[in-house]
Amino acid sequence: MLLAHVPDQGEHLVRNYGRYSNRARRTRMAEMADTETPAAVIERMPEKVDPEASRAARAAWARLIKKVYEADPCSVPTVAGRCASWL
């Protein structure tokens, strides 16, 4: 067979078993819908984000981008003004 990796028309190549099967996913979604209401999700959300933690996270991302891509994200003119407050 020349093209064994190409499925026939109408045939699925990927099969999902166990936790990833449609039946298990549908069951999990039904259980989640029964136990967790939208109001409960909203109650878990933080009211305000800590500005110091947010600033630290942005500074960490800037350092990682600089390290991985060897390009300083703070040198971009549109970001330079805001970048000074992060670092």
PDB file of N, CA and C in Angstrom:
ATOM      1  N   MET A   1       0.852  -1.166   0.000  1.00  0.00           N
ATOM      2  CA  MET A   1       0.000   0.000   0.000  1.00  0.00           C
ATOM      3  C   MET A   1       0.904   1.237   0.000  1.00  0.00           C
ATOM      4  N   LEU A   2       0.726   2.089  -0.947  1.00  0.00           N
ATOM      5  CA  LEU A   2       1.585   3.245  -1.124  1.00  0.00           C
ATOM      6  C   LEU A   2       1.309   4.336  -0.085  1.00  0.00           C
ATOM      7  N   LEU A   3       0.045   4.605   0.188  1.00  0.00           N
ATOM      8  CA  LEU A   3      -0.308   5.667   1.125  1.00  0.00           C
ATOM      9  C   LEU A   3      -1.018   5.098   2.347  1.00  0.00           C
ATOM     10  N   ALA A   4      -0.302   4.345   3.136  1.00  0.00           N
ATOM     11  CA  ALA A   4      -0.905   3.693   4.305  1.00  0.00           C
ATOM     12  C   ALA A   4      -1.296   4.703   5.376  1.00  0.00           C
ATOM     13  N   HIS A   5      -0.628   5.850   5.424  1.00  0.00           N
ATOM     14  CA  HIS A   5      -0.913   6.835   6.457  1.00  0.00           C
ATOM     15  C   HIS A   5      -2.105   7.724   6.115  1.00  0.00           C
ATOM     16  N   VAL A   6      -2.625   7.646   4.907  1.00  0.00           N
ATOM     17  CA  VAL A   6      -3.792   8.427   4.499  1.00  0.00           C
ATOM     18  C   VAL A   6      -5.022   7.533   4.629  1.00  0.00           C
ATOM     19  N   PRO A   7      -5.995   7.930   5.467  1.00  0.00           N
ATOM     20  CA  PRO A   7      -7.173   7.079   5.652  1.00  0.00           C
ATOM     21  C   PRO A   7      -8.086   7.118   4.432  1.00  0.00           C
ATOM     22  N   ASP A   8      -8.876   6.064   4.277  1.00  0.00           N
ATOM     23  CA  ASP A   8      -9.868   6.026   3.219  1.00  0.00           C
ATOM     24  C   ASP A   8     -10.936   7.086   3.490  1.00  0.00           C
ATOM     25  N   GLN A   9     -11.682   7.433   2.477  1.00  0.00           N
ATOM     26  CA  GLN A   9     -12.708   8.447   2.631  1.00  0.00           C
ATOM     27  C   GLN A   9     -13.731   7.992   3.657  1.00  0.00           C
ATOM     28  N   GLY A  10     -14.030   8.856   4.622  1.00  0.00           N
ATOM     29  CA  GLY A  10     -14.994   8.547   5.666  1.00  0.00           C
ATOM     30  C   GLY A  10     -14.424   7.752   6.826  1.00  0.00           C
ATOM     31  N   GLU A  11     -13.151   7.405   6.792  1.00  0.00           N
ATOM     32  CA  GLU A  11     -12.522   6.616   7.855  1.00  0.00           C
ATOM     33  C   GLU A  11     -11.715   7.538   8.758  1.00  0.00           C
ATOM     34  N   HIS A  12     -11.852   7.366  10.061  1.00  0.00           N
ATOM     35  CA  HIS A  12     -11.100   8.169  11.024  1.00  0.00           C
ATOM     36  C   HIS A  12      -9.746   7.529  11.278  1.00  0.00           C
ATOM     37  N   LEU A  13      -8.740   8.367  11.377  1.00  0.00           N
ATOM     38  CA  LEU A  13      -7.396   7.876  11.632  1.00  0.00           C
ATOM     39  C   LEU A  13      -7.097   7.848  13.131  1.00  0.00           C
ATOM     40  N   VAL A  14      -7.640   8.784  13.885  1.00  0.00           N
ATOM     41  CA  VAL A  14      -7.375   8.882  15.316  1.00  0.00           C
ATOM     42  C   VAL A  14      -8.548   8.293  16.075  1.00  0.00           C
ATOM     43  N   ARG A  15      -8.243   7.429  16.995  1.00  0.00           N
ATOM     44  CA  ARG A  15      -9.282   6.829  17.821  1.00  0.00           C
ATOM     45  C   ARG A  15      -9.033   7.273  19.266  1.00  0.00           C
ATOM     46  N   ASN A  16     -10.088   7.705  19.927  1.00  0.00           N
ATOM     47  CA  ASN A  16      -9.979   8.167  21.306  1.00  0.00           C
ATOM     48  C   ASN A  16     -10.567   7.117  22.232  1.00  0.00           C
ATOM     49  N   TYR A  17      -9.767   6.687  23.202  1.00  0.00           N
ATOM     50  CA  TYR A  17     -10.193   5.672  24.150  1.00  0.00           C
ATOM     51  C   TYR A  17     -10.114   6.238  25.558  1.00  0.00           C
ATOM     52  N   GLY A  18     -10.810   5.603  26.491  1.00  0.00           N
ATOM     53  CA  GLY A  18     -10.712   5.952  27.899  1.00  0.00           C
ATOM     54  C   GLY A  18     -11.200   7.356  28.187  1.00  0.00           C
ATOM     55  N   ARG A  19     -10.401   8.108  28.879  1.00  0.00           N
ATOM     56  CA  ARG A  19     -10.778   9.449  29.311  1.00  0.00           C
ATOM     57  C   ARG A  19     -11.004  10.398  28.140  1.00  0.00           C
ATOM     58  N   TYR A  20     -10.384  10.151  27.022  1.00  0.00           N
ATOM     59  CA  TYR A  20     -10.497  11.042  25.876  1.00  0.00           C
ATOM     60  C   TYR A  20     -11.644  10.674  24.936  1.00  0.00           C
ATOM     61  N   SER A  21     -12.359   9.615  25.216  1.00  0.00           N
ATOM     62  CA  SER A  21     -13.455   9.219  24.340  1.00  0.00           C
ATOM     63  C   SER A  21     -14.608  10.209  24.457  1.00  0.00           C
ATOM     64  N   ASN A  22     -15.441  10.249  23.440  1.00  0.00           N
ATOM     65  CA  ASN A  22     -16.578  11.165  23.455  1.00  0.00           C
ATOM     66  C   ASN A  22     -17.532  10.861  24.600  1.00  0.00           C
ATOM     67  N   ARG A  23     -17.729   9.600  24.882  1.00  0.00           N
ATOM     68  CA  ARG A  23     -18.649   9.221  25.952  1.00  0.00           C
ATOM     69  C   ARG A  23     -18.145   9.711  27.312  1.00  0.00           C
ATOM     70  N   ALA A  24     -16.865   9.507  27.597  1.00  0.00           N
ATOM     71  CA  ALA A  24     -16.307   9.955  28.871  1.00  0.00           C
ATOM     72  C   ALA A  24     -16.326  11.477  28.961  1.00  0.00           C
ATOM     73  N   ARG A  25     -16.017  12.144  27.865  1.00  0.00           N
ATOM     74  CA  ARG A  25     -16.025  13.610  27.850  1.00  0.00           C
ATOM     75  C   ARG A  25     -17.442  14.130  28.107  1.00  0.00           C
ATOM     76  N   ARG A  26     -18.428  13.501  27.485  1.00  0.00           N
ATOM     77  CA  ARG A  26     -19.817  13.915  27.666  1.00  0.00           C
ATOM     78  C   ARG A  26     -20.240  13.711  29.131  1.00  0.00           C
ATOM     79  N   THR A  27     -19.820  12.605  29.733  1.00  0.00           N
ATOM     80  CA  THR A  27     -20.149  12.335  31.130  1.00  0.00           C
ATOM     81  C   THR A  27     -19.519  13.381  32.048  1.00  0.00           C
ATOM     82  N   ARG A  28     -18.254  13.707  31.804  1.00  0.00           N
ATOM     83  CA  ARG A  28     -17.581  14.732  32.626  1.00  0.00           C
ATOM     84  C   ARG A  28     -18.266  16.082  32.499  1.00  0.00           C
ATOM     85  N   MET A  29     -18.654  16.450  31.282  1.00  0.00           N
ATOM     86  CA  MET A  29     -19.315  17.734  31.073  1.00  0.00           C
ATOM     87  C   MET A  29     -20.658  17.778  31.791  1.00  0.00           C
ATOM     88  N   ALA A  30     -21.392  16.667  31.785  1.00  0.00           N
ATOM     89  CA  ALA A  30     -22.675  16.614  32.475  1.00  0.00           C
ATOM     90  C   ALA A  30     -22.480  16.728  33.980  1.00  0.00           C
ATOM     91  N   GLU A  31     -21.466  16.054  34.521  1.00  0.00           N
ATOM     92  CA  GLU A  31     -21.185  16.142  35.958  1.00  0.00           C
ATOM     93  C   GLU A  31     -20.780  17.557  36.344  1.00  0.00           C
ATOM     94  N   MET A  32     -19.974  18.188  35.527  1.00  0.00           N
ATOM     95  CA  MET A  32     -19.528  19.541  35.819  1.00  0.00           C
ATOM     96  C   MET A  32     -20.706  20.515  35.772  1.00  0.00           C
ATOM     97  N   ALA A  33     -21.609  20.320  34.827  1.00  0.00           N
ATOM     98  CA  ALA A  33     -22.763  21.203  34.708  1.00  0.00           C
ATOM     99  C   ALA A  33     -23.685  21.055  35.914  1.00  0.00           C
ATOM    100  N   ASP A  34     -23.768  19.848  36.471  1.00  0.00           N
ATOM    101  CA  ASP A  34     -24.629  19.627  37.633  1.00  0.00           C
ATOM    102  C   ASP A  34     -24.043  20.216  38.905  1.00  0.00           C
ATOM    103  N   THR A  35     -22.738  20.186  39.053  1.00  0.00           N
ATOM    104  CA  THR A  35     -22.123  20.585  40.316  1.00  0.00           C
ATOM    105  C   THR A  35     -21.687  22.044  40.348  1.00  0.00           C
ATOM    106  N   GLU A  36     -21.349  22.617  39.219  1.00  0.00           N
ATOM    107  CA  GLU A  36     -20.779  23.961  39.239  1.00  0.00           C
ATOM    108  C   GLU A  36     -21.642  24.919  38.426  1.00  0.00           C
ATOM    109  N   THR A  37     -22.218  25.876  39.121  1.00  0.00           N
ATOM    110  CA  THR A  37     -23.057  26.869  38.455  1.00  0.00           C
ATOM    111  C   THR A  37     -22.196  28.052  38.034  1.00  0.00           C
ATOM    112  N   PRO A  38     -22.665  28.859  37.105  1.00  0.00           N
ATOM    113  CA  PRO A  38     -21.899  30.050  36.714  1.00  0.00           C
ATOM    114  C   PRO A  38     -21.636  30.990  37.888  1.00  0.00           C
ATOM    115  N   ALA A  39     -22.565  31.061  38.834  1.00  0.00           N
ATOM    116  CA  ALA A  39     -22.357  31.920  40.000  1.00  0.00           C
ATOM    117  C   ALA A  39     -21.181  31.423  40.841  1.00  0.00           C
ATOM    118  N   ALA A  40     -21.017  30.101  40.937  1.00  0.00           N
ATOM    119  CA  ALA A  40     -19.898  29.547  41.699  1.00  0.00           C
ATOM    120  C   ALA A  40     -18.576  29.870  41.024  1.00  0.00           C
ATOM    121  N   VAL A  41     -18.558  29.854  39.706  1.00  0.00           N
ATOM    122  CA  VAL A  41     -17.339  30.192  38.976  1.00  0.00           C
ATOM    123  C   VAL A  41     -16.982  31.649  39.197  1.00  0.00           C
ATOM    124  N   ILE A  42     -17.968  32.527  39.160  1.00  0.00           N
ATOM    125  CA  ILE A  42     -17.722  33.960  39.363  1.00  0.00           C
ATOM    126  C   ILE A  42     -17.227  34.226  40.771  1.00  0.00           C
ATOM    127  N   GLU A  43     -17.745  33.508  41.759  1.00  0.00           N
ATOM    128  CA  GLU A  43     -17.306  33.694  43.146  1.00  0.00           C
ATOM    129  C   GLU A  43     -15.842  33.317  43.337  1.00  0.00           C
ATOM    130  N   ARG A  44     -15.354  32.338  42.563  1.00  0.00           N
ATOM    131  CA  ARG A  44     -13.959  31.912  42.690  1.00  0.00           C
ATOM    132  C   ARG A  44     -12.996  32.901  42.057  1.00  0.00           C
ATOM    133  N   MET A  45     -13.466  33.733  41.153  1.00  0.00           N
ATOM    134  CA  MET A  45     -12.589  34.662  40.451  1.00  0.00           C
ATOM    135  C   MET A  45     -12.119  35.762  41.400  1.00  0.00           C
ATOM    136  N   PRO A  46     -10.850  36.146  41.323  1.00  0.00           N
ATOM    137  CA  PRO A  46     -10.386  37.230  42.189  1.00  0.00           C
ATOM    138  C   PRO A  46     -11.007  38.555  41.758  1.00  0.00           C
ATOM    139  N   GLU A  47     -11.284  39.412  42.756  1.00  0.00           N
ATOM    140  CA  GLU A  47     -11.899  40.702  42.436  1.00  0.00           C
ATOM    141  C   GLU A  47     -10.914  41.622  41.735  1.00  0.00           C
ATOM    142  N   LYS A  48      -9.709  41.688  42.255  1.00  0.00           N
ATOM    143  CA  LYS A  48      -8.696  42.555  41.677  1.00  0.00           C
ATOM    144  C   LYS A  48      -7.398  41.793  41.546  1.00  0.00           C
ATOM    145  N   VAL A  49      -6.661  42.117  40.518  1.00  0.00           N
ATOM    146  CA  VAL A  49      -5.343  41.519  40.333  1.00  0.00           C
ATOM    147  C   VAL A  49      -4.337  42.398  41.059  1.00  0.00           C
ATOM    148  N   ASP A  50      -3.448  41.775  41.791  1.00  0.00           N
ATOM    149  CA  ASP A  50      -2.428  42.512  42.517  1.00  0.00           C
ATOM    150  C   ASP A  50      -1.485  43.185  41.516  1.00  0.00           C
ATOM    151  N   PRO A  51      -1.365  44.524  41.534  1.00  0.00           N
ATOM    152  CA  PRO A  51      -0.524  45.198  40.542  1.00  0.00           C
ATOM    153  C   PRO A  51       0.951  44.814  40.653  1.00  0.00           C
ATOM    154  N   GLU A  52       1.420  44.545  41.855  1.00  0.00           N
ATOM    155  CA  GLU A  52       2.826  44.154  42.019  1.00  0.00           C
ATOM    156  C   GLU A  52       3.085  42.780  41.391  1.00  0.00           C
ATOM    157  N   ALA A  53       2.151  41.856  41.569  1.00  0.00           N
ATOM    158  CA  ALA A  53       2.305  40.536  40.970  1.00  0.00           C
ATOM    159  C   ALA A  53       2.219  40.633  39.453  1.00  0.00           C
ATOM    160  N   SER A  54       1.343  41.478  38.965  1.00  0.00           N
ATOM    161  CA  SER A  54       1.205  41.662  37.524  1.00  0.00           C
ATOM    162  C   SER A  54       2.483  42.274  36.940  1.00  0.00           C
ATOM    163  N   ARG A  55       3.038  43.242  37.624  1.00  0.00           N
ATOM    164  CA  ARG A  55       4.273  43.885  37.169  1.00  0.00           C
ATOM    165  C   ARG A  55       5.421  42.870  37.159  1.00  0.00           C
ATOM    166  N   ALA A  56       5.485  42.048  38.193  1.00  0.00           N
ATOM    167  CA  ALA A  56       6.539  41.029  38.260  1.00  0.00           C
ATOM    168  C   ALA A  56       6.383  40.001  37.141  1.00  0.00           C
ATOM    169  N   ALA A  57       5.152  39.648  36.821  1.00  0.00           N
ATOM    170  CA  ALA A  57       4.915  38.683  35.744  1.00  0.00           C
ATOM    171  C   ALA A  57       5.333  39.265  34.399  1.00  0.00           C
ATOM    172  N   ARG A  58       5.013  40.522  34.165  1.00  0.00           N
ATOM    173  CA  ARG A  58       5.414  41.149  32.895  1.00  0.00           C
ATOM    174  C   ARG A  58       6.925  41.253  32.786  1.00  0.00           C
ATOM    175  N   ALA A  59       7.576  41.575  33.885  1.00  0.00           N
ATOM    176  CA  ALA A  59       9.041  41.670  33.875  1.00  0.00           C
ATOM    177  C   ALA A  59       9.668  40.303  33.613  1.00  0.00           C
ATOM    178  N   ALA A  60       9.088  39.255  34.197  1.00  0.00           N
ATOM    179  CA  ALA A  60       9.607  37.906  33.968  1.00  0.00           C
ATOM    180  C   ALA A  60       9.459  37.512  32.505  1.00  0.00           C
ATOM    181  N   TRP A  61       8.313  37.825  31.893  1.00  0.00           N
ATOM    182  CA  TRP A  61       8.129  37.521  30.471  1.00  0.00           C
ATOM    183  C   TRP A  61       9.123  38.299  29.618  1.00  0.00           C
ATOM    184  N   ALA A  62       9.361  39.562  29.952  1.00  0.00           N
ATOM    185  CA  ALA A  62      10.318  40.366  29.180  1.00  0.00           C
ATOM    186  C   ALA A  62      11.714  39.746  29.256  1.00  0.00           C
ATOM    187  N   ARG A  63      12.106  39.288  30.461  1.00  0.00           N
ATOM    188  CA  ARG A  63      13.421  38.650  30.606  1.00  0.00           C
ATOM    189  C   ARG A  63      13.502  37.351  29.808  1.00  0.00           C
ATOM    190  N   LEU A  64      12.432  36.553  29.846  1.00  0.00           N
ATOM    191  CA  LEU A  64      12.432  35.289  29.103  1.00  0.00           C
ATOM    192  C   LEU A  64      12.501  35.522  27.594  1.00  0.00           C
ATOM    193  N   ILE A  65      11.759  36.484  27.097  1.00  0.00           N
ATOM    194  CA  ILE A  65      11.798  36.792  25.662  1.00  0.00           C
ATOM    195  C   ILE A  65      13.195  37.237  25.272  1.00  0.00           C
ATOM    196  N   LYS A  66      13.796  38.069  26.116  1.00  0.00           N
ATOM    197  CA  LYS A  66      15.157  38.545  25.831  1.00  0.00           C
ATOM    198  C   LYS A  66      16.146  37.382  25.814  1.00  0.00           C
ATOM    199  N   LYS A  67      15.992  36.438  26.749  1.00  0.00           N
ATOM    200  CA  LYS A  67      16.908  35.308  26.843  1.00  0.00           C
ATOM    201  C   LYS A  67      16.726  34.332  25.686  1.00  0.00           C
ATOM    202  N   VAL A  68      15.471  33.993  25.359  1.00  0.00           N
ATOM    203  CA  VAL A  68      15.209  32.975  24.343  1.00  0.00           C
ATOM    204  C   VAL A  68      15.448  33.496  22.934  1.00  0.00           C
ATOM    205  N   TYR A  69      14.909  34.669  22.635  1.00  0.00           N
ATOM    206  CA  TYR A  69      14.981  35.180  21.266  1.00  0.00           C
ATOM    207  C   TYR A  69      16.136  36.139  21.033  1.00  0.00           C
ATOM    208  N   GLU A  70      16.884  36.427  22.082  1.00  0.00           N
ATOM    209  CA  GLU A  70      18.017  37.347  22.009  1.00  0.00           C
ATOM    210  C   GLU A  70      17.608  38.684  21.397  1.00  0.00           C
ATOM    211  N   ALA A  71      16.422  39.124  21.757  1.00  0.00           N
ATOM    212  CA  ALA A  71      15.918  40.424  21.318  1.00  0.00           C
ATOM    213  C   ALA A  71      15.241  41.074  22.513  1.00  0.00           C
ATOM    214  N   ASP A  72      15.562  42.315  22.753  1.00  0.00           N
ATOM    215  CA  ASP A  72      15.018  43.017  23.903  1.00  0.00           C
ATOM    216  C   ASP A  72      13.625  43.554  23.572  1.00  0.00           C
ATOM    217  N   PRO A  73      12.585  43.037  24.225  1.00  0.00           N
ATOM    218  CA  PRO A  73      11.244  43.532  23.936  1.00  0.00           C
ATOM    219  C   PRO A  73      11.047  44.973  24.394  1.00  0.00           C
ATOM    220  N   CYS A  74      11.887  45.434  25.314  1.00  0.00           N
ATOM    221  CA  CYS A  74      11.764  46.803  25.805  1.00  0.00           C
ATOM    222  C   CYS A  74      12.339  47.815  24.818  1.00  0.00           C
ATOM    223  N   SER A  75      13.015  47.346  23.782  1.00  0.00           N
ATOM    224  CA  SER A  75      13.572  48.282  22.810  1.00  0.00           C
ATOM    225  C   SER A  75      12.558  48.672  21.735  1.00  0.00           C
ATOM    226  N   VAL A  76      11.405  48.021  21.713  1.00  0.00           N
ATOM    227  CA  VAL A  76      10.349  48.363  20.756  1.00  0.00           C
ATOM    228  C   VAL A  76       9.741  49.700  21.180  1.00  0.00           C
ATOM    229  N   PRO A  77       9.647  50.687  20.270  1.00  0.00           N
ATOM    230  CA  PRO A  77       9.176  52.025  20.651  1.00  0.00           C
ATOM    231  C   PRO A  77       7.782  52.042  21.276  1.00  0.00           C
ATOM    232  N   THR A  78       6.881  51.183  20.826  1.00  0.00           N
ATOM    233  CA  THR A  78       5.530  51.212  21.364  1.00  0.00           C
ATOM    234  C   THR A  78       5.450  50.635  22.777  1.00  0.00           C
ATOM    235  N   VAL A  79       6.444  49.877  23.192  1.00  0.00           N
ATOM    236  CA  VAL A  79       6.429  49.243  24.510  1.00  0.00           C
ATOM    237  C   VAL A  79       7.406  49.917  25.468  1.00  0.00           C
ATOM    238  N   ALA A  80       8.345  50.669  24.966  1.00  0.00           N
ATOM    239  CA  ALA A  80       9.435  51.197  25.791  1.00  0.00           C
ATOM    240  C   ALA A  80       8.952  51.991  26.982  1.00  0.00           C
ATOM    241  N   GLY A  81       7.922  52.798  26.827  1.00  0.00           N
ATOM    242  CA  GLY A  81       7.425  53.596  27.938  1.00  0.00           C
ATOM    243  C   GLY A  81       6.846  52.754  29.052  1.00  0.00           C
ATOM    244  N   ARG A  82       6.114  51.728  28.704  1.00  0.00           N
ATOM    245  CA  ARG A  82       5.514  50.858  29.708  1.00  0.00           C
ATOM    246  C   ARG A  82       6.534  49.909  30.308  1.00  0.00           C
ATOM    247  N   CYS A  83       7.527  49.552  29.530  1.00  0.00           N
ATOM    248  CA  CYS A  83       8.523  48.569  29.972  1.00  0.00           C
ATOM    249  C   CYS A  83       9.364  49.115  31.126  1.00  0.00           C
ATOM    250  N   ALA A  84       9.592  50.402  31.161  1.00  0.00           N
ATOM    251  CA  ALA A  84      10.393  50.998  32.233  1.00  0.00           C
ATOM    252  C   ALA A  84       9.732  50.807  33.587  1.00  0.00           C
ATOM    253  N   SER A  85       8.397  50.797  33.620  1.00  0.00           N
ATOM    254  CA  SER A  85       7.697  50.633  34.896  1.00  0.00           C
ATOM    255  C   SER A  85       7.714  49.182  35.364  1.00  0.00           C
ATOM    256  N   TRP A  86       7.918  48.230  34.442  1.00  0.00           N
ATOM    257  CA  TRP A  86       7.948  46.822  34.844  1.00  0.00           C
ATOM    258  C   TRP A  86       9.233  46.466  35.535  1.00  0.00           C
ATOM    259  N   LEU A  87      10.342  46.992  35.000  1.00  0.00           N
ATOM    260  CA  LEU A  87      11.657  46.569  35.473  1.00  0.00           C
ATOM    261  C   LEU A  87      12.191  47.473  36.501  1.00  0.00           C
TER     262      LEU A  87
END
